[in-house]
Each structure stands twice: as C-alpha cells, then as structure tokens.
Amino acid sequence: MIEETLKNLGPLRTLVGTWEGEKGEDVAPADERPGTAVSKFRERMTFEPIRPVDNHEQWLYGLRYSTVAHRLGEENPFHEEVGYWLWDPAEKQVLRCFSIPRGMTVTAGGTVEPEAKSFLITADVGSAIYGISSNRFLDREFKTIRFEMKVNILGADTFSYEEDTQLQVKGQPVLFHHTDKNTLSRVASRTGL
C-alpha cells in the first residue's frame, strides 16, 4: 500500500524523507507589544508516507509529517508542529493539515498541477474549507486571519518555503505579517519504506 502512495503523491512526491535547514528566519510579534522579533533558526522536518485514505469516492495520498525548530544557539525548540500533507489527484488539491502546541489547528490547501515544482496553499479564519481554529487567548490577543505558504522544490534533495501568517494583534490597527522561511536539504531518504 505504501508503494501505491509513493506513486500517487503528485507534487508531494519529492518531500518523502527527513530534511534539515539552518537558514531559517522567523519574524514574529515581540514579547513587548507593539514590537517585532526576528529569530534565525534551524529545523528538522520528517515526511513519512501513509496508506491511501478512502473517503468514499475521494482518494487521498499523503505524508505524515513533523517539524521541530530551534533558534540558533538554543537547545530547546521554539516551534513544533505535527500533521499531514495530502494530495487529492481528482481535485488537483494539495492540503496541509497541522496542529501546533499553542492550541491552534490549520487546514490549508490550493489547486496544484501534479508535476508542479512550486505551489501556494492558503487558509482563512472562518472558512469551512481551508480554515483556521485557535484557542480563546490566541483568538483574542493574536487572531490569525490568514495563512499562506509557498513551497519551491529546488531539486531532488532541496526545497524551500515561505509562510505568511497574518495576525490581528490586539490594540494594533493593521495586520502583523508573522513570516517564516527556510531552505532545507534531505538528510535521510524515504522513511517508512
């Protein structure tokens, strides 16, 4: 069954394996509001193929993934997430469903051609399709309005991403663009095989 997933991952095919990057940059709200904090970080991402998912007439092919990010020079992670990247070949949709231990979940998606080397996925607060859900504190103090992620497959063993999480920070009149970007290289090939 895993072989079937690997054959049918569309634009996610290259991501199978373990990746590391040490050129990350995180631009986030500072602890002192208003303000901006810029952090350089390293991260490790792991993508493992899962069995095909049968939703009646819909078939999804996917990867279970996890991410752990550390500020350069720090031992403890400042960001973690777990979830799934999914490919719906009939609808030509890439989906990223993930949770972060800040009490937040996101399902982002977008239309993508099967052989694409670059794609954009998005989610909006309040949307029943590709939406964002947060805990009470985050919704009140740092409400996520929109999430955008662009992925660029740069080669068989390198990819990059840029994320823009648009926040309505309490007491600030304009949206804050919390951005993250990194370039990662494969350090281990196809896991789960």
N, C-alpha and C. Protein backbone atom coordinates (compact mmCIF):
# COMPACT_ATOMS: atom_id res chain seq x y z
N MET A 1 0.81 -1.20 0.00
CA MET A 1 0.00 0.00 0.00
C MET A 1 0.85 1.27 0.00
N ILE A 2 2.01 1.24 0.69
CA ILE A 2 2.87 2.41 0.71
C ILE A 2 3.39 2.70 -0.69
N GLU A 3 3.68 1.65 -1.46
CA GLU A 3 4.14 1.84 -2.83
C GLU A 3 3.10 2.58 -3.66
N GLU A 4 1.80 2.28 -3.41
CA GLU A 4 0.73 2.99 -4.12
C GLU A 4 0.74 4.47 -3.76
N THR A 5 0.95 4.76 -2.48
CA THR A 5 1.03 6.16 -2.05
C THR A 5 2.19 6.86 -2.76
N LEU A 6 3.36 6.24 -2.76
CA LEU A 6 4.53 6.87 -3.39
C LEU A 6 4.28 7.18 -4.86
N LYS A 7 3.60 6.29 -5.57
CA LYS A 7 3.32 6.52 -7.00
C LYS A 7 2.33 7.65 -7.21
N ASN A 8 1.48 7.91 -6.19
CA ASN A 8 0.36 8.83 -6.38
C ASN A 8 0.45 10.11 -5.54
N LEU A 9 1.64 10.51 -5.15
CA LEU A 9 1.80 11.70 -4.31
C LEU A 9 1.82 13.02 -5.09
N GLY A 10 1.78 12.96 -6.42
CA GLY A 10 1.76 14.19 -7.20
C GLY A 10 2.89 15.12 -6.82
N PRO A 11 2.58 16.40 -6.55
CA PRO A 11 3.64 17.38 -6.25
C PRO A 11 4.33 17.17 -4.91
N LEU A 12 3.81 16.26 -4.07
CA LEU A 12 4.41 15.99 -2.76
C LEU A 12 5.47 14.89 -2.81
N ARG A 13 5.60 14.24 -3.95
CA ARG A 13 6.49 13.08 -4.12
C ARG A 13 7.90 13.34 -3.61
N THR A 14 8.46 14.50 -3.92
CA THR A 14 9.85 14.81 -3.56
C THR A 14 10.05 14.94 -2.05
N LEU A 15 9.00 15.25 -1.29
CA LEU A 15 9.16 15.55 0.13
C LEU A 15 9.41 14.34 1.01
N VAL A 16 9.20 13.14 0.53
CA VAL A 16 9.37 11.95 1.36
C VAL A 16 10.80 11.90 1.89
N GLY A 17 10.94 11.75 3.22
CA GLY A 17 12.26 11.66 3.83
C GLY A 17 12.41 12.62 5.00
N THR A 18 13.65 12.83 5.41
CA THR A 18 13.98 13.73 6.52
C THR A 18 14.83 14.87 5.98
N TRP A 19 14.51 16.08 6.42
CA TRP A 19 15.12 17.31 5.90
C TRP A 19 15.60 18.17 7.04
N GLU A 20 16.69 18.91 6.80
CA GLU A 20 17.17 19.87 7.78
C GLU A 20 17.58 21.16 7.09
N GLY A 21 17.38 22.25 7.80
CA GLY A 21 17.78 23.57 7.30
C GLY A 21 18.24 24.43 8.45
N GLU A 22 19.29 25.22 8.20
CA GLU A 22 19.83 26.09 9.24
C GLU A 22 19.83 27.55 8.82
N LYS A 23 19.03 27.88 7.81
CA LYS A 23 18.99 29.25 7.31
C LYS A 23 17.62 29.88 7.53
N GLY A 24 16.88 29.38 8.52
CA GLY A 24 15.54 29.87 8.75
C GLY A 24 15.52 31.27 9.34
N GLU A 25 14.44 31.99 9.01
CA GLU A 25 14.21 33.31 9.59
C GLU A 25 12.75 33.43 9.98
N ASP A 26 12.52 33.80 11.24
CA ASP A 26 11.19 33.95 11.80
C ASP A 26 11.02 35.41 12.21
N VAL A 27 9.98 36.06 11.68
CA VAL A 27 9.64 37.43 12.06
C VAL A 27 8.29 37.36 12.76
N ALA A 28 8.28 37.66 14.06
CA ALA A 28 7.09 37.46 14.89
C ALA A 28 6.86 38.66 15.80
N PRO A 29 5.67 38.75 16.39
CA PRO A 29 5.46 39.81 17.38
C PRO A 29 6.42 39.63 18.55
N ALA A 30 6.99 40.73 19.00
CA ALA A 30 7.91 40.69 20.15
C ALA A 30 7.12 40.48 21.43
N ASP A 31 7.82 40.03 22.47
CA ASP A 31 7.16 39.87 23.77
C ASP A 31 6.58 41.19 24.25
N GLU A 32 7.29 42.29 23.98
CA GLU A 32 6.81 43.63 24.33
C GLU A 32 5.99 44.16 23.17
N ARG A 33 4.68 44.38 23.38
CA ARG A 33 3.83 44.87 22.30
C ARG A 33 3.74 46.38 22.35
N PRO A 34 3.70 47.07 21.24
CA PRO A 34 3.97 46.54 19.90
C PRO A 34 5.47 46.37 19.70
N GLY A 35 5.82 45.51 18.81
CA GLY A 35 7.22 45.28 18.51
C GLY A 35 7.38 44.05 17.64
N THR A 36 8.58 43.92 17.07
CA THR A 36 8.87 42.81 16.17
C THR A 36 10.14 42.12 16.64
N ALA A 37 10.11 40.79 16.63
CA ALA A 37 11.28 39.99 16.97
C ALA A 37 11.69 39.18 15.75
N VAL A 38 12.97 39.20 15.43
CA VAL A 38 13.50 38.42 14.30
C VAL A 38 14.42 37.35 14.88
N SER A 39 14.15 36.10 14.53
CA SER A 39 14.97 34.98 15.02
C SER A 39 15.48 34.17 13.85
N LYS A 40 16.74 33.81 13.91
CA LYS A 40 17.33 32.84 12.97
C LYS A 40 17.13 31.47 13.60
N PHE A 41 16.83 30.47 12.77
CA PHE A 41 16.56 29.16 13.34
C PHE A 41 17.00 28.03 12.43
N ARG A 42 17.10 26.85 13.05
CA ARG A 42 17.35 25.60 12.34
C ARG A 42 16.13 24.72 12.57
N GLU A 43 15.84 23.85 11.61
CA GLU A 43 14.69 22.97 11.80
C GLU A 43 14.90 21.63 11.13
N ARG A 44 14.11 20.69 11.60
CA ARG A 44 14.13 19.33 11.05
C ARG A 44 12.69 18.96 10.72
N MET A 45 12.47 18.50 9.49
CA MET A 45 11.16 18.05 9.06
C MET A 45 11.26 16.59 8.62
N THR A 46 10.26 15.82 9.00
CA THR A 46 10.20 14.42 8.59
C THR A 46 8.86 14.17 7.91
N PHE A 47 8.91 13.56 6.73
CA PHE A 47 7.71 13.23 5.95
C PHE A 47 7.70 11.73 5.69
N GLU A 48 6.67 11.04 6.21
CA GLU A 48 6.56 9.59 6.04
C GLU A 48 5.28 9.26 5.28
N PRO A 49 5.35 8.41 4.27
CA PRO A 49 4.15 8.05 3.53
C PRO A 49 3.15 7.28 4.41
N ILE A 50 1.88 7.53 4.18
CA ILE A 50 0.81 6.81 4.86
C ILE A 50 0.01 6.01 3.84
N ARG A 51 -0.81 5.11 4.33
CA ARG A 51 -1.68 4.35 3.43
C ARG A 51 -2.64 5.30 2.72
N PRO A 52 -3.08 4.96 1.51
CA PRO A 52 -4.09 5.80 0.84
C PRO A 52 -5.34 5.92 1.72
N VAL A 53 -5.95 7.09 1.70
CA VAL A 53 -7.13 7.36 2.50
C VAL A 53 -8.36 7.30 1.59
N ASP A 54 -9.32 6.48 1.97
CA ASP A 54 -10.54 6.25 1.20
C ASP A 54 -11.69 7.04 1.84
N ASN A 55 -12.08 8.16 1.23
CA ASN A 55 -13.24 8.94 1.66
C ASN A 55 -14.38 8.69 0.68
N HIS A 56 -14.86 7.49 0.61
CA HIS A 56 -15.88 7.08 -0.35
C HIS A 56 -15.35 7.28 -1.77
N GLU A 57 -15.85 8.25 -2.52
CA GLU A 57 -15.37 8.46 -3.89
C GLU A 57 -14.03 9.19 -3.95
N GLN A 58 -13.62 9.80 -2.86
CA GLN A 58 -12.37 10.56 -2.83
C GLN A 58 -11.23 9.68 -2.32
N TRP A 59 -10.09 9.74 -3.02
CA TRP A 59 -8.88 9.07 -2.57
C TRP A 59 -7.82 10.13 -2.31
N LEU A 60 -7.22 10.07 -1.12
CA LEU A 60 -6.15 10.98 -0.76
C LEU A 60 -4.88 10.17 -0.55
N TYR A 61 -3.76 10.73 -1.00
CA TYR A 61 -2.45 10.12 -0.82
C TYR A 61 -1.64 11.09 0.00
N GLY A 62 -0.92 10.58 1.01
CA GLY A 62 -0.33 11.57 1.88
C GLY A 62 0.93 11.18 2.62
N LEU A 63 1.36 12.19 3.38
CA LEU A 63 2.55 12.10 4.20
C LEU A 63 2.21 12.55 5.61
N ARG A 64 2.61 11.77 6.59
CA ARG A 64 2.56 12.20 7.98
C ARG A 64 3.83 13.02 8.19
N TYR A 65 3.71 14.17 8.84
CA TYR A 65 4.92 14.97 8.99
C TYR A 65 5.02 15.57 10.37
N SER A 66 6.26 15.92 10.72
CA SER A 66 6.51 16.66 11.95
C SER A 66 7.63 17.66 11.68
N THR A 67 7.58 18.75 12.41
CA THR A 67 8.58 19.81 12.31
C THR A 67 8.99 20.22 13.72
N VAL A 68 10.28 20.40 13.92
CA VAL A 68 10.80 20.95 15.17
C VAL A 68 11.82 22.01 14.79
N ALA A 69 11.67 23.22 15.36
CA ALA A 69 12.56 24.34 15.05
C ALA A 69 13.19 24.88 16.33
N HIS A 70 14.50 25.18 16.24
CA HIS A 70 15.27 25.74 17.36
C HIS A 70 15.90 27.05 16.90
N ARG A 71 15.83 28.07 17.75
CA ARG A 71 16.60 29.28 17.46
C ARG A 71 18.08 28.89 17.47
N LEU A 72 18.85 29.49 16.58
CA LEU A 72 20.28 29.18 16.54
C LEU A 72 20.90 29.47 17.90
N GLY A 73 21.67 28.51 18.39
CA GLY A 73 22.34 28.66 19.67
C GLY A 73 21.50 28.23 20.86
N GLU A 74 20.23 27.81 20.64
CA GLU A 74 19.38 27.39 21.75
C GLU A 74 19.10 25.90 21.65
N GLU A 75 19.00 25.25 22.81
CA GLU A 75 18.77 23.81 22.85
C GLU A 75 17.29 23.45 22.77
N ASN A 76 16.44 24.23 23.43
CA ASN A 76 15.01 23.93 23.45
C ASN A 76 14.32 24.48 22.21
N PRO A 77 13.38 23.71 21.63
CA PRO A 77 12.68 24.20 20.44
C PRO A 77 11.76 25.38 20.77
N PHE A 78 11.60 26.28 19.81
CA PHE A 78 10.64 27.36 19.98
C PHE A 78 9.38 27.11 19.15
N HIS A 79 9.42 26.09 18.30
CA HIS A 79 8.24 25.77 17.47
C HIS A 79 8.23 24.28 17.16
N GLU A 80 7.04 23.70 17.24
CA GLU A 80 6.82 22.32 16.84
C GLU A 80 5.46 22.25 16.16
N GLU A 81 5.31 21.27 15.27
CA GLU A 81 4.01 21.00 14.69
C GLU A 81 3.97 19.57 14.17
N VAL A 82 2.77 19.03 14.11
CA VAL A 82 2.54 17.69 13.56
C VAL A 82 1.31 17.76 12.66
N GLY A 83 1.27 16.85 11.68
CA GLY A 83 0.10 16.83 10.82
C GLY A 83 0.29 15.97 9.60
N TYR A 84 -0.45 16.34 8.56
CA TYR A 84 -0.45 15.59 7.31
C TYR A 84 -0.37 16.55 6.13
N TRP A 85 0.37 16.15 5.12
CA TRP A 85 0.31 16.75 3.79
C TRP A 85 -0.43 15.74 2.93
N LEU A 86 -1.46 16.17 2.20
CA LEU A 86 -2.28 15.27 1.41
C LEU A 86 -2.39 15.75 -0.03
N TRP A 87 -2.55 14.79 -0.94
CA TRP A 87 -2.73 15.07 -2.36
C TRP A 87 -4.04 14.43 -2.80
N ASP A 88 -4.92 15.24 -3.37
CA ASP A 88 -6.18 14.77 -3.94
C ASP A 88 -6.04 14.88 -5.45
N PRO A 89 -5.69 13.78 -6.14
CA PRO A 89 -5.43 13.86 -7.58
C PRO A 89 -6.66 14.23 -8.40
N ALA A 90 -7.85 13.81 -7.99
CA ALA A 90 -9.06 14.11 -8.77
C ALA A 90 -9.36 15.61 -8.76
N GLU A 91 -9.16 16.25 -7.62
CA GLU A 91 -9.45 17.69 -7.48
C GLU A 91 -8.22 18.56 -7.71
N LYS A 92 -7.05 17.91 -7.88
CA LYS A 92 -5.77 18.63 -8.00
C LYS A 92 -5.57 19.58 -6.83
N GLN A 93 -5.73 19.03 -5.62
CA GLN A 93 -5.61 19.82 -4.41
C GLN A 93 -4.48 19.29 -3.54
N VAL A 94 -3.60 20.19 -3.07
CA VAL A 94 -2.65 19.89 -2.01
C VAL A 94 -3.26 20.43 -0.73
N LEU A 95 -3.23 19.62 0.32
CA LEU A 95 -3.75 20.00 1.62
C LEU A 95 -2.65 19.83 2.66
N ARG A 96 -2.56 20.76 3.57
CA ARG A 96 -1.67 20.64 4.73
C ARG A 96 -2.54 20.82 5.96
N CYS A 97 -2.68 19.77 6.76
CA CYS A 97 -3.48 19.79 7.97
C CYS A 97 -2.51 19.66 9.14
N PHE A 98 -2.46 20.67 10.02
CA PHE A 98 -1.47 20.60 11.09
C PHE A 98 -1.95 21.27 12.37
N SER A 99 -1.32 20.86 13.46
CA SER A 99 -1.58 21.42 14.78
C SER A 99 -0.26 21.87 15.39
N ILE A 100 -0.34 22.95 16.14
CA ILE A 100 0.82 23.41 16.89
C ILE A 100 0.44 23.46 18.37
N PRO A 101 1.39 23.18 19.27
CA PRO A 101 1.04 23.11 20.69
C PRO A 101 0.87 24.48 21.34
N ARG A 102 0.30 25.39 20.61
CA ARG A 102 -0.14 26.68 21.15
C ARG A 102 -1.67 26.70 21.18
N GLY A 103 -2.28 25.56 20.83
CA GLY A 103 -3.73 25.48 20.80
C GLY A 103 -4.29 26.00 19.49
N MET A 104 -3.70 25.55 18.38
CA MET A 104 -4.12 26.05 17.07
C MET A 104 -4.05 24.93 16.04
N THR A 105 -5.04 24.88 15.15
CA THR A 105 -5.03 23.94 14.04
C THR A 105 -5.33 24.70 12.75
N VAL A 106 -4.75 24.21 11.65
CA VAL A 106 -4.93 24.84 10.34
C VAL A 106 -5.11 23.74 9.31
N THR A 107 -6.07 23.91 8.42
CA THR A 107 -6.15 23.11 7.21
C THR A 107 -6.03 24.10 6.06
N ALA A 108 -4.91 24.03 5.35
CA ALA A 108 -4.64 24.92 4.23
C ALA A 108 -4.65 24.09 2.95
N GLY A 109 -4.97 24.73 1.84
CA GLY A 109 -4.97 23.99 0.58
C GLY A 109 -4.94 24.91 -0.61
N GLY A 110 -4.77 24.29 -1.77
CA GLY A 110 -4.75 25.03 -3.02
C GLY A 110 -4.72 24.09 -4.21
N THR A 111 -5.08 24.63 -5.35
CA THR A 111 -5.07 23.87 -6.60
C THR A 111 -3.65 23.84 -7.14
N VAL A 112 -3.19 22.63 -7.48
CA VAL A 112 -1.80 22.42 -7.90
C VAL A 112 -1.77 21.36 -8.99
N GLU A 113 -0.95 21.56 -10.00
CA GLU A 113 -0.77 20.54 -11.04
C GLU A 113 0.10 19.41 -10.48
N PRO A 114 -0.13 18.17 -10.93
CA PRO A 114 0.58 17.02 -10.36
C PRO A 114 2.11 17.09 -10.45
N GLU A 115 2.65 17.72 -11.47
CA GLU A 115 4.10 17.79 -11.64
C GLU A 115 4.69 19.13 -11.20
N ALA A 116 3.89 19.95 -10.50
CA ALA A 116 4.34 21.29 -10.10
C ALA A 116 5.57 21.22 -9.20
N LYS A 117 6.47 22.16 -9.39
CA LYS A 117 7.66 22.29 -8.53
C LYS A 117 7.53 23.49 -7.61
N SER A 118 6.44 24.22 -7.73
CA SER A 118 6.17 25.38 -6.90
C SER A 118 4.66 25.48 -6.72
N PHE A 119 4.22 25.75 -5.48
CA PHE A 119 2.77 25.88 -5.29
C PHE A 119 2.49 26.72 -4.04
N LEU A 120 1.26 27.21 -3.98
CA LEU A 120 0.78 28.06 -2.89
C LEU A 120 -0.44 27.41 -2.26
N ILE A 121 -0.46 27.35 -0.92
CA ILE A 121 -1.64 26.91 -0.20
C ILE A 121 -2.03 28.00 0.78
N THR A 122 -3.34 28.09 1.08
CA THR A 122 -3.84 29.15 1.95
C THR A 122 -4.94 28.62 2.87
N ALA A 123 -5.20 29.39 3.93
CA ALA A 123 -6.32 29.14 4.84
C ALA A 123 -6.78 30.49 5.37
N ASP A 124 -8.08 30.58 5.65
CA ASP A 124 -8.67 31.82 6.18
C ASP A 124 -9.51 31.52 7.41
N VAL A 125 -9.47 32.42 8.39
CA VAL A 125 -10.29 32.26 9.57
C VAL A 125 -11.76 32.32 9.14
N GLY A 126 -12.56 31.48 9.74
CA GLY A 126 -13.99 31.47 9.45
C GLY A 126 -14.40 30.66 8.25
N SER A 127 -13.44 30.14 7.50
CA SER A 127 -13.76 29.36 6.32
C SER A 127 -14.00 27.90 6.70
N ALA A 128 -15.06 27.32 6.15
CA ALA A 128 -15.32 25.90 6.38
C ALA A 128 -14.41 25.03 5.52
N ILE A 129 -13.86 25.60 4.46
CA ILE A 129 -12.90 24.91 3.59
C ILE A 129 -11.59 25.65 3.71
N TYR A 130 -10.55 24.96 4.13
CA TYR A 130 -9.24 25.55 4.35
C TYR A 130 -9.34 26.69 5.37
N GLY A 131 -9.50 26.27 6.63
CA GLY A 131 -9.74 27.22 7.71
C GLY A 131 -8.73 27.14 8.85
N ILE A 132 -8.94 28.00 9.84
CA ILE A 132 -8.04 28.19 10.98
C ILE A 132 -8.87 28.15 12.26
N SER A 133 -8.39 27.44 13.27
CA SER A 133 -9.06 27.38 14.56
C SER A 133 -8.02 27.61 15.65
N SER A 134 -8.34 28.49 16.61
CA SER A 134 -7.40 28.83 17.68
C SER A 134 -8.08 28.76 19.04
N ASN A 135 -7.26 28.78 20.10
CA ASN A 135 -7.82 28.82 21.45
C ASN A 135 -8.28 30.25 21.77
N ARG A 136 -8.95 30.40 22.91
CA ARG A 136 -9.54 31.71 23.28
C ARG A 136 -8.49 32.81 23.36
N PHE A 137 -7.37 32.53 24.03
CA PHE A 137 -6.34 33.55 24.19
C PHE A 137 -5.82 34.03 22.84
N LEU A 138 -5.42 33.09 21.97
CA LEU A 138 -4.89 33.48 20.66
C LEU A 138 -5.93 34.23 19.85
N ASP A 139 -7.18 33.77 19.91
CA ASP A 139 -8.24 34.45 19.16
C ASP A 139 -8.43 35.89 19.63
N ARG A 140 -8.25 36.12 20.91
CA ARG A 140 -8.44 37.45 21.48
C ARG A 140 -7.20 38.34 21.29
N GLU A 141 -6.00 37.79 21.50
CA GLU A 141 -4.78 38.60 21.53
C GLU A 141 -3.99 38.60 20.22
N PHE A 142 -4.00 37.48 19.49
CA PHE A 142 -3.21 37.32 18.26
C PHE A 142 -4.03 36.53 17.23
N LYS A 143 -5.15 37.07 16.84
CA LYS A 143 -6.09 36.34 15.98
C LYS A 143 -5.47 36.12 14.59
N THR A 144 -5.36 34.84 14.20
CA THR A 144 -4.85 34.53 12.87
C THR A 144 -5.98 34.72 11.87
N ILE A 145 -5.77 35.63 10.93
CA ILE A 145 -6.76 35.97 9.91
C ILE A 145 -6.55 35.14 8.65
N ARG A 146 -5.29 34.96 8.27
CA ARG A 146 -4.97 34.25 7.03
C ARG A 146 -3.60 33.58 7.17
N PHE A 147 -3.48 32.43 6.52
CA PHE A 147 -2.22 31.70 6.46
C PHE A 147 -1.92 31.43 4.98
N GLU A 148 -0.70 31.73 4.57
CA GLU A 148 -0.25 31.46 3.19
C GLU A 148 1.10 30.78 3.26
N MET A 149 1.29 29.78 2.40
CA MET A 149 2.58 29.10 2.33
C MET A 149 2.92 28.83 0.88
N LYS A 150 4.11 29.22 0.48
CA LYS A 150 4.61 28.91 -0.86
C LYS A 150 5.76 27.92 -0.71
N VAL A 151 5.68 26.83 -1.47
CA VAL A 151 6.70 25.79 -1.46
C VAL A 151 7.39 25.78 -2.82
N ASN A 152 8.72 25.71 -2.82
CA ASN A 152 9.51 25.61 -4.05
C ASN A 152 10.40 24.38 -3.96
N ILE A 153 10.18 23.42 -4.86
CA ILE A 153 11.05 22.26 -4.96
C ILE A 153 12.24 22.68 -5.82
N LEU A 154 13.41 22.77 -5.21
CA LEU A 154 14.59 23.31 -5.89
C LEU A 154 15.43 22.23 -6.55
N GLY A 155 15.16 20.98 -6.24
CA GLY A 155 15.89 19.84 -6.78
C GLY A 155 15.47 18.60 -6.05
N ALA A 156 16.09 17.48 -6.37
CA ALA A 156 15.71 16.21 -5.73
C ALA A 156 15.96 16.21 -4.23
N ASP A 157 16.92 17.02 -3.77
CA ASP A 157 17.30 17.00 -2.35
C ASP A 157 17.25 18.36 -1.68
N THR A 158 16.53 19.33 -2.26
CA THR A 158 16.44 20.66 -1.67
C THR A 158 15.06 21.25 -1.95
N PHE A 159 14.47 21.86 -0.92
CA PHE A 159 13.25 22.64 -1.11
C PHE A 159 13.26 23.82 -0.17
N SER A 160 12.46 24.82 -0.50
CA SER A 160 12.33 25.99 0.36
C SER A 160 10.86 26.30 0.55
N TYR A 161 10.59 27.08 1.58
CA TYR A 161 9.22 27.54 1.81
C TYR A 161 9.25 28.95 2.36
N GLU A 162 8.13 29.64 2.17
CA GLU A 162 7.89 30.95 2.77
C GLU A 162 6.47 30.94 3.29
N GLU A 163 6.30 31.29 4.55
CA GLU A 163 4.97 31.36 5.16
C GLU A 163 4.68 32.79 5.58
N ASP A 164 3.41 33.16 5.47
CA ASP A 164 2.93 34.46 5.94
C ASP A 164 1.66 34.21 6.74
N THR A 165 1.79 34.30 8.07
CA THR A 165 0.64 34.14 8.96
C THR A 165 0.21 35.54 9.37
N GLN A 166 -0.95 35.96 8.90
CA GLN A 166 -1.41 37.33 9.11
C GLN A 166 -2.24 37.41 10.39
N LEU A 167 -1.73 38.19 11.35
CA LEU A 167 -2.31 38.27 12.68
C LEU A 167 -2.95 39.62 12.94
N GLN A 168 -4.11 39.60 13.59
CA GLN A 168 -4.69 40.83 14.13
C GLN A 168 -4.30 40.86 15.60
N VAL A 169 -3.24 41.62 15.89
CA VAL A 169 -2.74 41.73 17.26
C VAL A 169 -3.62 42.74 18.00
N LYS A 170 -4.10 42.36 19.18
CA LYS A 170 -4.99 43.22 19.96
C LYS A 170 -4.38 44.61 20.15
N GLY A 171 -5.17 45.62 19.85
CA GLY A 171 -4.73 47.00 20.03
C GLY A 171 -3.93 47.58 18.88
N GLN A 172 -3.67 46.78 17.85
CA GLN A 172 -2.91 47.29 16.69
C GLN A 172 -3.85 47.40 15.49
N PRO A 173 -3.82 48.54 14.79
CA PRO A 173 -4.79 48.79 13.72
C PRO A 173 -4.53 48.02 12.41
N VAL A 174 -3.31 47.58 12.19
CA VAL A 174 -3.00 46.88 10.93
C VAL A 174 -2.56 45.44 11.23
N LEU A 175 -2.74 44.58 10.24
CA LEU A 175 -2.34 43.19 10.40
C LEU A 175 -0.82 43.08 10.54
N PHE A 176 -0.39 42.16 11.39
CA PHE A 176 1.03 41.85 11.53
C PHE A 176 1.32 40.64 10.67
N HIS A 177 2.35 40.72 9.84
CA HIS A 177 2.74 39.61 8.98
C HIS A 177 3.84 38.81 9.68
N HIS A 178 3.41 37.74 10.35
CA HIS A 178 4.35 36.82 11.01
C HIS A 178 4.87 35.89 9.91
N THR A 179 6.14 36.05 9.56
CA THR A 179 6.68 35.29 8.42
C THR A 179 7.76 34.30 8.88
N ASP A 180 7.82 33.22 8.15
CA ASP A 180 8.85 32.20 8.36
C ASP A 180 9.33 31.75 6.99
N LYS A 181 10.63 31.51 6.88
CA LYS A 181 11.17 30.96 5.63
C LYS A 181 12.41 30.15 5.95
N ASN A 182 12.67 29.15 5.09
CA ASN A 182 13.85 28.34 5.25
C ASN A 182 14.09 27.56 3.97
N THR A 183 15.33 27.12 3.80
CA THR A 183 15.72 26.20 2.73
C THR A 183 16.24 24.96 3.42
N LEU A 184 15.71 23.79 3.02
CA LEU A 184 16.05 22.54 3.67
C LEU A 184 16.65 21.57 2.68
N SER A 185 17.55 20.72 3.18
CA SER A 185 18.20 19.68 2.38
C SER A 185 17.86 18.32 2.97
N ARG A 186 17.75 17.34 2.10
CA ARG A 186 17.43 15.98 2.54
C ARG A 186 18.64 15.41 3.28
N VAL A 187 18.41 14.85 4.47
CA VAL A 187 19.47 14.20 5.23
C VAL A 187 19.25 12.69 5.34
N ALA A 188 18.06 12.24 5.03
CA ALA A 188 17.74 10.81 5.01
C ALA A 188 16.67 10.60 3.95
N SER A 189 16.81 9.51 3.21
CA SER A 189 15.86 9.26 2.14
C SER A 189 14.59 8.65 2.70
N ARG A 190 13.78 8.23 1.83
CA ARG A 190 12.42 7.79 2.09
C ARG A 190 12.25 6.97 3.36
N THR A 191 11.65 7.58 4.35
CA THR A 191 11.37 6.88 5.60
C THR A 191 10.07 6.11 5.45
N GLY A 192 9.87 5.13 6.28
CA GLY A 192 8.64 4.38 6.27
C GLY A 192 8.58 3.31 5.22
N LEU A 193 9.69 3.04 4.52
CA LEU A 193 9.67 2.01 3.47
C LEU A 193 10.34 0.75 3.95
